[in-house]
Amino acid sequence: MGSFSIWHWLIVLLIVVMVFGTKKLKNMGSDLGGAVKGFKDGMKDGSQTPADVPVPPASVTTNAQAADKTTIDVEAKQKS
């Protein structure tokens, strides 16, 4: 009763496949693999020293220019 036999795990696997279907399980597996790969890449990028990280070129913009790019001016109209 302490551990499950192979037959228990096969029955659980069969029920999971019947509930979710093989296509959905395959998609979940590829999504999980992509997430793990992205996490590993992020960890590699985070471990770089500041000398290794490329510095983006400085762009010259004023606060007014930056505000113009992010602000959307919309005229509100009432529904009748």
PDB file of N, CA and C in Angstrom:
ATOM      1  N   MET A   1       0.814  -1.185   0.000  1.00  0.00           N
ATOM      2  CA  MET A   1       0.000   0.000   0.000  1.00  0.00           C
ATOM      3  C   MET A   1       0.864   1.257   0.000  1.00  0.00           C
ATOM      4  N   GLY A   2       2.138   1.106   0.321  1.00  0.00           N
ATOM      5  CA  GLY A   2       3.022   2.254   0.392  1.00  0.00           C
ATOM      6  C   GLY A   2       3.412   2.793  -0.973  1.00  0.00           C
ATOM      7  N   SER A   3       3.605   1.932  -1.955  1.00  0.00           N
ATOM      8  CA  SER A   3       3.988   2.398  -3.294  1.00  0.00           C
ATOM      9  C   SER A   3       3.025   1.826  -4.321  1.00  0.00           C
ATOM     10  N   PHE A   4       2.936   2.517  -5.433  1.00  0.00           N
ATOM     11  CA  PHE A   4       2.042   2.080  -6.493  1.00  0.00           C
ATOM     12  C   PHE A   4       2.780   1.154  -7.444  1.00  0.00           C
ATOM     13  N   SER A   5       2.079   0.176  -7.963  1.00  0.00           N
ATOM     14  CA  SER A   5       2.681  -0.732  -8.932  1.00  0.00           C
ATOM     15  C   SER A   5       2.574  -0.134 -10.328  1.00  0.00           C
ATOM     16  N   ILE A   6       3.166  -0.794 -11.277  1.00  0.00           N
ATOM     17  CA  ILE A   6       3.142  -0.328 -12.670  1.00  0.00           C
ATOM     18  C   ILE A   6       1.717  -0.306 -13.190  1.00  0.00           C
ATOM     19  N   TRP A   7       0.867  -1.212 -12.724  1.00  0.00           N
ATOM     20  CA  TRP A   7      -0.520  -1.270 -13.199  1.00  0.00           C
ATOM     21  C   TRP A   7      -1.304  -0.039 -12.748  1.00  0.00           C
ATOM     22  N   HIS A   8      -1.020   0.455 -11.568  1.00  0.00           N
ATOM     23  CA  HIS A   8      -1.680   1.679 -11.108  1.00  0.00           C
ATOM     24  C   HIS A   8      -1.325   2.847 -12.025  1.00  0.00           C
ATOM     25  N   TRP A   9      -0.037   2.971 -12.348  1.00  0.00           N
ATOM     26  CA  TRP A   9       0.416   4.088 -13.187  1.00  0.00           C
ATOM     27  C   TRP A   9      -0.123   3.969 -14.606  1.00  0.00           C
ATOM     28  N   LEU A  10      -0.233   2.745 -15.140  1.00  0.00           N
ATOM     29  CA  LEU A  10      -0.799   2.566 -16.478  1.00  0.00           C
ATOM     30  C   LEU A  10      -2.279   2.947 -16.509  1.00  0.00           C
ATOM     31  N   ILE A  11      -3.011   2.623 -15.462  1.00  0.00           N
ATOM     32  CA  ILE A  11      -4.422   2.994 -15.410  1.00  0.00           C
ATOM     33  C   ILE A  11      -4.564   4.508 -15.316  1.00  0.00           C
ATOM     34  N   VAL A  12      -3.739   5.155 -14.500  1.00  0.00           N
ATOM     35  CA  VAL A  12      -3.773   6.618 -14.388  1.00  0.00           C
ATOM     36  C   VAL A  12      -3.434   7.250 -15.728  1.00  0.00           C
ATOM     37  N   LEU A  13      -2.413   6.748 -16.418  1.00  0.00           N
ATOM     38  CA  LEU A  13      -2.030   7.265 -17.727  1.00  0.00           C
ATOM     39  C   LEU A  13      -3.161   7.088 -18.739  1.00  0.00           C
ATOM     40  N   LEU A  14      -3.812   5.959 -18.732  1.00  0.00           N
ATOM     41  CA  LEU A  14      -4.933   5.715 -19.633  1.00  0.00           C
ATOM     42  C   LEU A  14      -6.078   6.694 -19.379  1.00  0.00           C
ATOM     43  N   ILE A  15      -6.381   6.953 -18.120  1.00  0.00           N
ATOM     44  CA  ILE A  15      -7.458   7.893 -17.785  1.00  0.00           C
ATOM     45  C   ILE A  15      -7.095   9.305 -18.223  1.00  0.00           C
ATOM     46  N   VAL A  16      -5.840   9.715 -18.013  1.00  0.00           N
ATOM     47  CA  VAL A  16      -5.396  11.053 -18.426  1.00  0.00           C
ATOM     48  C   VAL A  16      -5.497  11.211 -19.928  1.00  0.00           C
ATOM     49  N   VAL A  17      -5.078  10.190 -20.688  1.00  0.00           N
ATOM     50  CA  VAL A  17      -5.160  10.240 -22.151  1.00  0.00           C
ATOM     51  C   VAL A  17      -6.611  10.291 -22.598  1.00  0.00           C
ATOM     52  N   MET A  18      -7.479   9.570 -21.935  1.00  0.00           N
ATOM     53  CA  MET A  18      -8.889   9.586 -22.311  1.00  0.00           C
ATOM     54  C   MET A  18      -9.531  10.941 -22.006  1.00  0.00           C
ATOM     55  N   VAL A  19      -9.132  11.578 -20.919  1.00  0.00           N
ATOM     56  CA  VAL A  19      -9.733  12.857 -20.543  1.00  0.00           C
ATOM     57  C   VAL A  19      -9.224  13.982 -21.437  1.00  0.00           C
ATOM     58  N   PHE A  20      -7.907  14.073 -21.610  1.00  0.00           N
ATOM     59  CA  PHE A  20      -7.326  15.204 -22.328  1.00  0.00           C
ATOM     60  C   PHE A  20      -7.138  14.950 -23.821  1.00  0.00           C
ATOM     61  N   GLY A  21      -6.905  13.738 -24.219  1.00  0.00           N
ATOM     62  CA  GLY A  21      -6.632  13.439 -25.622  1.00  0.00           C
ATOM     63  C   GLY A  21      -5.154  13.608 -25.918  1.00  0.00           C
ATOM     64  N   THR A  22      -4.694  12.903 -26.933  1.00  0.00           N
ATOM     65  CA  THR A  22      -3.261  12.911 -27.223  1.00  0.00           C
ATOM     66  C   THR A  22      -2.794  14.239 -27.806  1.00  0.00           C
ATOM     67  N   LYS A  23      -3.642  14.899 -28.594  1.00  0.00           N
ATOM     68  CA  LYS A  23      -3.234  16.157 -29.219  1.00  0.00           C
ATOM     69  C   LYS A  23      -3.008  17.241 -28.168  1.00  0.00           C
ATOM     70  N   LYS A  24      -3.926  17.334 -27.215  1.00  0.00           N
ATOM     71  CA  LYS A  24      -3.788  18.346 -26.171  1.00  0.00           C
ATOM     72  C   LYS A  24      -2.575  18.048 -25.281  1.00  0.00           C
ATOM     73  N   LEU A  25      -2.324  16.777 -24.990  1.00  0.00           N
ATOM     74  CA  LEU A  25      -1.161  16.410 -24.191  1.00  0.00           C
ATOM     75  C   LEU A  25       0.127  16.758 -24.927  1.00  0.00           C
ATOM     76  N   LYS A  26       0.142  16.541 -26.257  1.00  0.00           N
ATOM     77  CA  LYS A  26       1.322  16.870 -27.049  1.00  0.00           C
ATOM     78  C   LYS A  26       1.567  18.380 -27.033  1.00  0.00           C
ATOM     79  N   ASN A  27       0.500  19.165 -27.165  1.00  0.00           N
ATOM     80  CA  ASN A  27       0.642  20.623 -27.126  1.00  0.00           C
ATOM     81  C   ASN A  27       1.125  21.093 -25.761  1.00  0.00           C
ATOM     82  N   MET A  28       0.606  20.495 -24.691  1.00  0.00           N
ATOM     83  CA  MET A  28       1.055  20.880 -23.352  1.00  0.00           C
ATOM     84  C   MET A  28       2.526  20.533 -23.162  1.00  0.00           C
ATOM     85  N   GLY A  29       2.953  19.401 -23.700  1.00  0.00           N
ATOM     86  CA  GLY A  29       4.352  19.003 -23.589  1.00  0.00           C
ATOM     87  C   GLY A  29       5.275  19.954 -24.329  1.00  0.00           C
ATOM     88  N   SER A  30       4.877  20.372 -25.527  1.00  0.00           N
ATOM     89  CA  SER A  30       5.728  21.295 -26.287  1.00  0.00           C
ATOM     90  C   SER A  30       5.733  22.681 -25.648  1.00  0.00           C
ATOM     91  N   ASP A  31       4.604  23.108 -25.080  1.00  0.00           N
ATOM     92  CA  ASP A  31       4.556  24.387 -24.374  1.00  0.00           C
ATOM     93  C   ASP A  31       5.444  24.362 -23.137  1.00  0.00           C
ATOM     94  N   LEU A  32       5.406  23.257 -22.413  1.00  0.00           N
ATOM     95  CA  LEU A  32       6.244  23.125 -21.223  1.00  0.00           C
ATOM     96  C   LEU A  32       7.716  23.110 -21.602  1.00  0.00           C
ATOM     97  N   GLY A  33       8.058  22.415 -22.683  1.00  0.00           N
ATOM     98  CA  GLY A  33       9.444  22.396 -23.151  1.00  0.00           C
ATOM     99  C   GLY A  33       9.923  23.772 -23.572  1.00  0.00           C
ATOM    100  N   GLY A  34       9.066  24.527 -24.254  1.00  0.00           N
ATOM    101  CA  GLY A  34       9.426  25.891 -24.649  1.00  0.00           C
ATOM    102  C   GLY A  34       9.620  26.798 -23.451  1.00  0.00           C
ATOM    103  N   ALA A  35       8.787  26.604 -22.427  1.00  0.00           N
ATOM    104  CA  ALA A  35       8.920  27.418 -21.210  1.00  0.00           C
ATOM    105  C   ALA A  35      10.222  27.107 -20.488  1.00  0.00           C
ATOM    106  N   VAL A  36      10.578  25.838 -20.426  1.00  0.00           N
ATOM    107  CA  VAL A  36      11.833  25.453 -19.772  1.00  0.00           C
ATOM    108  C   VAL A  36      13.021  25.998 -20.554  1.00  0.00           C
ATOM    109  N   LYS A  37      12.961  25.936 -21.877  1.00  0.00           N
ATOM    110  CA  LYS A  37      14.051  26.463 -22.699  1.00  0.00           C
ATOM    111  C   LYS A  37      14.180  27.976 -22.518  1.00  0.00           C
ATOM    112  N   GLY A  38      13.054  28.679 -22.496  1.00  0.00           N
ATOM    113  CA  GLY A  38      13.088  30.119 -22.266  1.00  0.00           C
ATOM    114  C   GLY A  38      13.651  30.467 -20.903  1.00  0.00           C
ATOM    115  N   PHE A  39      13.308  29.667 -19.892  1.00  0.00           N
ATOM    116  CA  PHE A  39      13.834  29.894 -18.547  1.00  0.00           C
ATOM    117  C   PHE A  39      15.345  29.694 -18.521  1.00  0.00           C
ATOM    118  N   LYS A  40      15.823  28.639 -19.174  1.00  0.00           N
ATOM    119  CA  LYS A  40      17.271  28.390 -19.210  1.00  0.00           C
ATOM    120  C   LYS A  40      17.996  29.509 -19.937  1.00  0.00           C
ATOM    121  N   ASP A  41      17.439  29.980 -21.059  1.00  0.00           N
ATOM    122  CA  ASP A  41      18.054  31.095 -21.784  1.00  0.00           C
ATOM    123  C   ASP A  41      18.073  32.356 -20.936  1.00  0.00           C
ATOM    124  N   GLY A  42      17.007  32.592 -20.191  1.00  0.00           N
ATOM    125  CA  GLY A  42      16.947  33.750 -19.303  1.00  0.00           C
ATOM    126  C   GLY A  42      17.972  33.667 -18.194  1.00  0.00           C
ATOM    127  N   MET A  43      18.189  32.466 -17.680  1.00  0.00           N
ATOM    128  CA  MET A  43      19.195  32.292 -16.631  1.00  0.00           C
ATOM    129  C   MET A  43      20.598  32.523 -17.184  1.00  0.00           C
ATOM    130  N   LYS A  44      20.838  32.111 -18.427  1.00  0.00           N
ATOM    131  CA  LYS A  44      22.150  32.347 -19.037  1.00  0.00           C
ATOM    132  C   LYS A  44      22.363  33.842 -19.257  1.00  0.00           C
ATOM    133  N   ASP A  45      21.334  34.561 -19.709  1.00  0.00           N
ATOM    134  CA  ASP A  45      21.442  35.995 -19.937  1.00  0.00           C
ATOM    135  C   ASP A  45      21.650  36.745 -18.629  1.00  0.00           C
ATOM    136  N   GLY A  46      21.036  36.282 -17.569  1.00  0.00           N
ATOM    137  CA  GLY A  46      21.150  36.947 -16.276  1.00  0.00           C
ATOM    138  C   GLY A  46      22.502  36.752 -15.630  1.00  0.00           C
ATOM    139  N   SER A  47      23.228  35.714 -16.036  1.00  0.00           N
ATOM    140  CA  SER A  47      24.522  35.447 -15.415  1.00  0.00           C
ATOM    141  C   SER A  47      25.669  36.179 -16.107  1.00  0.00           C
ATOM    142  N   GLN A  48      25.387  36.931 -17.172  1.00  0.00           N
ATOM    143  CA  GLN A  48      26.439  37.670 -17.853  1.00  0.00           C
ATOM    144  C   GLN A  48      26.898  38.839 -16.989  1.00  0.00           C
ATOM    145  N   THR A  49      28.175  39.144 -17.090  1.00  0.00           N
ATOM    146  CA  THR A  49      28.701  40.295 -16.374  1.00  0.00           C
ATOM    147  C   THR A  49      28.360  41.557 -17.162  1.00  0.00           C
ATOM    148  N   PRO A  50      28.350  42.717 -16.525  1.00  0.00           N
ATOM    149  CA  PRO A  50      28.017  43.949 -17.239  1.00  0.00           C
ATOM    150  C   PRO A  50      28.942  44.229 -18.420  1.00  0.00           C
ATOM    151  N   ALA A  51      30.172  43.762 -18.392  1.00  0.00           N
ATOM    152  CA  ALA A  51      31.082  43.978 -19.511  1.00  0.00           C
ATOM    153  C   ALA A  51      30.658  43.149 -20.723  1.00  0.00           C
ATOM    154  N   ASP A  52      29.992  42.013 -20.481  1.00  0.00           N
ATOM    155  CA  ASP A  52      29.558  41.143 -21.578  1.00  0.00           C
ATOM    156  C   ASP A  52      28.271  41.627 -22.237  1.00  0.00           C
ATOM    157  N   VAL A  53      27.482  42.388 -21.516  1.00  0.00           N
ATOM    158  CA  VAL A  53      26.183  42.827 -22.025  1.00  0.00           C
ATOM    159  C   VAL A  53      26.384  44.010 -22.970  1.00  0.00           C
ATOM    160  N   PRO A  54      25.881  43.920 -24.214  1.00  0.00           N
ATOM    161  CA  PRO A  54      26.026  45.043 -25.139  1.00  0.00           C
ATOM    162  C   PRO A  54      25.157  46.212 -24.706  1.00  0.00           C
ATOM    163  N   VAL A  55      25.714  47.413 -24.859  1.00  0.00           N
ATOM    164  CA  VAL A  55      25.006  48.626 -24.468  1.00  0.00           C
ATOM    165  C   VAL A  55      24.286  49.176 -25.688  1.00  0.00           C
ATOM    166  N   PRO A  56      22.942  49.380 -25.601  1.00  0.00           N
ATOM    167  CA  PRO A  56      22.222  49.938 -26.751  1.00  0.00           C
ATOM    168  C   PRO A  56      22.620  51.392 -26.952  1.00  0.00           C
ATOM    169  N   PRO A  57      22.587  51.869 -28.195  1.00  0.00           N
ATOM    170  CA  PRO A  57      22.947  53.261 -28.438  1.00  0.00           C
ATOM    171  C   PRO A  57      21.929  54.195 -27.799  1.00  0.00           C
ATOM    172  N   ALA A  58      22.429  55.300 -27.277  1.00  0.00           N
ATOM    173  CA  ALA A  58      21.552  56.263 -26.613  1.00  0.00           C
ATOM    174  C   ALA A  58      20.813  57.069 -27.666  1.00  0.00           C
ATOM    175  N   SER A  59      19.501  57.163 -27.499  1.00  0.00           N
ATOM    176  CA  SER A  59      18.714  57.961 -28.428  1.00  0.00           C
ATOM    177  C   SER A  59      18.387  59.286 -27.749  1.00  0.00           C
ATOM    178  N   VAL A  60      18.418  60.353 -28.534  1.00  0.00           N
ATOM    179  CA  VAL A  60      18.170  61.682 -28.000  1.00  0.00           C
ATOM    180  C   VAL A  60      16.715  62.038 -28.243  1.00  0.00           C
ATOM    181  N   THR A  61      15.924  61.993 -27.171  1.00  0.00           N
ATOM    182  CA  THR A  61      14.521  62.394 -27.254  1.00  0.00           C
ATOM    183  C   THR A  61      14.216  63.277 -26.055  1.00  0.00           C
ATOM    184  N   THR A  62      13.351  64.212 -26.263  1.00  0.00           N
ATOM    185  CA  THR A  62      12.921  65.048 -25.152  1.00  0.00           C
ATOM    186  C   THR A  62      11.697  64.432 -24.508  1.00  0.00           C
ATOM    187  N   ASN A  63      11.333  64.927 -23.375  1.00  0.00           N
ATOM    188  CA  ASN A  63      10.147  64.403 -22.689  1.00  0.00           C
ATOM    189  C   ASN A  63       8.887  64.654 -23.498  1.00  0.00           C
ATOM    190  N   ALA A  64       8.827  65.764 -24.215  1.00  0.00           N
ATOM    191  CA  ALA A  64       7.653  66.070 -25.032  1.00  0.00           C
ATOM    192  C   ALA A  64       7.521  65.063 -26.173  1.00  0.00           C
ATOM    193  N   GLN A  65       8.646  64.693 -26.785  1.00  0.00           N
ATOM    194  CA  GLN A  65       8.594  63.714 -27.872  1.00  0.00           C
ATOM    195  C   GLN A  65       8.179  62.348 -27.334  1.00  0.00           C
ATOM    196  N   ALA A  66       8.689  61.974 -26.172  1.00  0.00           N
ATOM    197  CA  ALA A  66       8.337  60.680 -25.589  1.00  0.00           C
ATOM    198  C   ALA A  66       6.868  60.661 -25.201  1.00  0.00           C
ATOM    199  N   ALA A  67       6.353  61.776 -24.684  1.00  0.00           N
ATOM    200  CA  ALA A  67       4.950  61.840 -24.299  1.00  0.00           C
ATOM    201  C   ALA A  67       4.046  61.778 -25.520  1.00  0.00           C
ATOM    202  N   ASP A  68       4.481  62.369 -26.628  1.00  0.00           N
ATOM    203  CA  ASP A  68       3.675  62.334 -27.845  1.00  0.00           C
ATOM    204  C   ASP A  68       3.544  60.908 -28.375  1.00  0.00           C
ATOM    205  N   LYS A  69       4.560  60.103 -28.206  1.00  0.00           N
ATOM    206  CA  LYS A  69       4.510  58.734 -28.716  1.00  0.00           C
ATOM    207  C   LYS A  69       3.616  57.845 -27.867  1.00  0.00           C
ATOM    208  N   THR A  70       3.509  58.124 -26.575  1.00  0.00           N
ATOM    209  CA  THR A  70       2.749  57.238 -25.708  1.00  0.00           C
ATOM    210  C   THR A  70       1.353  57.753 -25.400  1.00  0.00           C
ATOM    211  N   THR A  71       1.064  59.023 -25.667  1.00  0.00           N
ATOM    212  CA  THR A  71      -0.240  59.596 -25.351  1.00  0.00           C
ATOM    213  C   THR A  71      -1.150  59.528 -26.563  1.00  0.00           C
ATOM    214  N   ILE A  72      -2.366  59.063 -26.343  1.00  0.00           N
ATOM    215  CA  ILE A  72      -3.362  59.001 -27.400  1.00  0.00           C
ATOM    216  C   ILE A  72      -4.458  59.984 -27.037  1.00  0.00           C
ATOM    217  N   ASP A  73      -4.708  60.936 -27.905  1.00  0.00           N
ATOM    218  CA  ASP A  73      -5.720  61.951 -27.666  1.00  0.00           C
ATOM    219  C   ASP A  73      -7.003  61.513 -28.362  1.00  0.00           C
ATOM    220  N   VAL A  74      -8.058  61.302 -27.580  1.00  0.00           N
ATOM    221  CA  VAL A  74      -9.319  60.802 -28.113  1.00  0.00           C
ATOM    222  C   VAL A  74     -10.452  61.703 -27.638  1.00  0.00           C
ATOM    223  N   GLU A  75     -11.381  61.962 -28.534  1.00  0.00           N
ATOM    224  CA  GLU A  75     -12.542  62.750 -28.168  1.00  0.00           C
ATOM    225  C   GLU A  75     -13.666  61.808 -27.741  1.00  0.00           C
ATOM    226  N   ALA A  76     -14.163  62.003 -26.524  1.00  0.00           N
ATOM    227  CA  ALA A  76     -15.215  61.131 -25.988  1.00  0.00           C
ATOM    228  C   ALA A  76     -16.583  61.631 -26.471  1.00  0.00           C
ATOM    229  N   LYS A  77     -17.425  60.717 -26.873  1.00  0.00           N
ATOM    230  CA  LYS A  77     -18.767  61.046 -27.313  1.00  0.00           C
ATOM    231  C   LYS A  77     -19.763  60.270 -26.462  1.00  0.00           C
ATOM    232  N   GLN A  78     -20.881  60.888 -26.181  1.00  0.00           N
ATOM    233  CA  GLN A  78     -21.941  60.247 -25.386  1.00  0.00           C
ATOM    234  C   GLN A  78     -22.866  59.466 -26.319  1.00  0.00           C
ATOM    235  N   LYS A  79     -23.264  58.286 -25.876  1.00  0.00           N
ATOM    236  CA  LYS A  79     -24.253  57.508 -26.625  1.00  0.00           C
ATOM    237  C   LYS A  79     -25.629  58.054 -26.286  1.00  0.00           C
ATOM    238  N   SER A  80     -26.478  58.147 -27.287  1.00  0.00           N
ATOM    239  CA  SER A  80     -27.832  58.646 -27.005  1.00  0.00           C
ATOM    240  C   SER A  80     -28.854  57.547 -27.091  1.00  0.00           C
TER     241      SER A  80
END
